[in-house]
């Protein structure tokens, strides 16, 4: 069964092992990209964060993928809220330098 990523299709009600593995690998890849870490470090961080939040590794992985994908319904998922809280600063795009330059005061010469 093929599932498209999106608010309704990313996380089907009856998750099979392939879907679960795909979600875990996607979350691992998100953390590797955000943290520039090894796959082992990414999985260890995901497991530790899940334990701290009282969530399964899979639930937190699903939440991280939803938060990273910017899905509108992600805030309704408690795991996505945990992921946003933990990694949200890394998920948001950086402020372009031109935006900070235009706000700088000008000197009066």
Protein backbone atom coordinates (compact mmCIF):
# COMPACT_ATOMS: atom_id res chain seq x y z
CA UNK A 1 0.00 0.00 0.00
CA UNK A 2 1.42 3.39 -1.01
CA UNK A 3 0.88 6.36 1.28
CA UNK A 4 1.42 9.94 0.21
CA UNK A 5 2.92 12.36 2.69
CA UNK A 6 0.42 14.90 3.83
CA UNK A 7 -1.82 15.61 6.79
CA UNK A 8 -4.24 12.76 6.02
CA UNK A 9 -2.04 10.24 4.25
CA UNK A 10 1.29 10.45 6.03
CA UNK A 11 0.22 8.41 9.02
CA UNK A 12 -2.42 5.83 8.17
CA UNK A 13 -4.46 4.35 11.00
CA UNK A 14 -3.14 0.84 10.42
CA UNK A 15 0.61 1.34 10.29
CA UNK A 16 2.42 -1.60 8.83
CA UNK A 17 6.06 -2.36 9.51
CA UNK A 18 7.20 -0.81 6.21
CA UNK A 19 5.42 2.45 6.98
CA UNK A 20 6.82 2.49 10.50
CA UNK A 21 10.35 1.85 9.23
CA UNK A 22 9.97 4.57 6.61
CA UNK A 23 8.82 7.05 9.25
CA UNK A 24 11.74 6.18 11.53
CA UNK A 25 14.19 6.58 8.65
CA UNK A 26 12.65 9.92 7.65
CA UNK A 27 12.95 11.21 11.23
CA UNK A 28 16.52 9.94 11.39
CA UNK A 29 17.29 11.83 8.18
CA UNK A 30 15.68 15.01 9.52
CA UNK A 31 17.89 14.88 12.60
CA UNK A 32 21.00 14.10 10.55
CA UNK A 33 20.25 17.14 8.40
CA UNK A 34 19.48 19.42 11.34
CA UNK A 35 22.25 18.31 13.66
CA UNK A 36 24.87 17.20 11.12
CA UNK A 37 25.27 14.04 13.19
CA UNK A 38 25.73 10.34 12.48
CA UNK A 39 22.75 8.00 12.01
CA UNK A 40 23.57 6.39 15.35
CA UNK A 41 23.51 9.76 17.12
CA UNK A 42 20.22 10.69 15.44
CA UNK A 43 18.51 7.48 16.55
CA UNK A 44 19.96 7.80 20.07
CA UNK A 45 18.60 11.37 20.30
CA UNK A 46 15.19 10.26 19.04
CA UNK A 47 15.03 7.41 21.57
CA UNK A 48 16.18 9.63 24.45
CA UNK A 49 13.75 12.42 23.52
CA UNK A 50 10.88 9.92 23.32
CA UNK A 51 11.74 8.53 26.74
CA UNK A 52 11.92 12.02 28.26
CA UNK A 53 8.53 12.91 26.79
CA UNK A 54 6.91 9.57 27.65
CA UNK A 55 6.38 8.74 23.97
CA UNK A 56 7.41 5.77 21.90
CA UNK A 57 10.28 6.32 19.50
CA UNK A 58 7.89 5.75 16.61
CA UNK A 59 5.34 8.29 17.89
CA UNK A 60 8.04 10.94 18.28
CA UNK A 61 9.49 10.09 14.86
CA UNK A 62 6.02 10.55 13.36
CA UNK A 63 5.68 13.88 15.17
CA UNK A 64 9.10 15.06 14.00
CA UNK A 65 8.32 14.20 10.37
CA UNK A 66 5.01 16.08 10.64
CA UNK A 67 6.66 19.11 12.27
CA UNK A 68 9.50 19.14 9.74
CA UNK A 69 7.00 18.87 6.89
CA UNK A 70 5.08 21.88 8.18
CA UNK A 71 1.72 20.09 8.10
CA UNK A 72 -1.14 22.29 9.26
CA UNK A 73 -2.64 19.58 11.49
CA UNK A 74 0.68 18.76 13.15
CA UNK A 75 -0.08 20.92 16.18
CA UNK A 76 -3.01 18.64 17.03
CA UNK A 77 -0.61 15.70 17.47
CA UNK A 78 1.03 15.71 20.93
CA UNK A 79 4.16 14.08 19.49
CA UNK A 80 4.45 16.83 16.86
CA UNK A 81 4.16 19.43 19.62
CA UNK A 82 6.99 17.72 21.53
CA UNK A 83 9.09 17.66 18.35
CA UNK A 84 8.36 21.32 17.66
CA UNK A 85 9.31 22.24 21.22
CA UNK A 86 12.54 20.24 21.13
CA UNK A 87 13.73 20.90 17.56
CA UNK A 88 11.56 23.83 16.46
CA UNK A 89 14.38 26.38 16.36
CA UNK A 90 16.28 24.10 14.01
CA UNK A 91 13.22 23.47 11.84
CA UNK A 92 12.52 27.14 11.14
CA UNK A 93 14.41 28.76 8.28
CA UNK A 94 17.14 31.19 9.30
CA UNK A 95 16.51 34.91 9.04
CA UNK A 96 18.22 36.20 5.89
CA UNK A 97 21.04 38.72 6.53
CA UNK A 98 19.26 41.35 4.44
CA UNK A 99 16.32 41.33 6.89
CA UNK A 100 18.61 42.16 9.80
CA UNK A 101 20.52 44.79 7.81
CA UNK A 102 17.39 46.70 6.86
CA UNK A 103 16.43 46.97 10.54
CA UNK A 104 19.83 48.42 11.51
CA UNK A 105 19.83 52.12 12.38
CA UNK A 106 21.42 54.46 9.88
CA UNK A 107 24.02 56.99 10.91
CA UNK A 108 23.50 60.65 10.28
CA UNK A 109 26.66 62.02 8.72
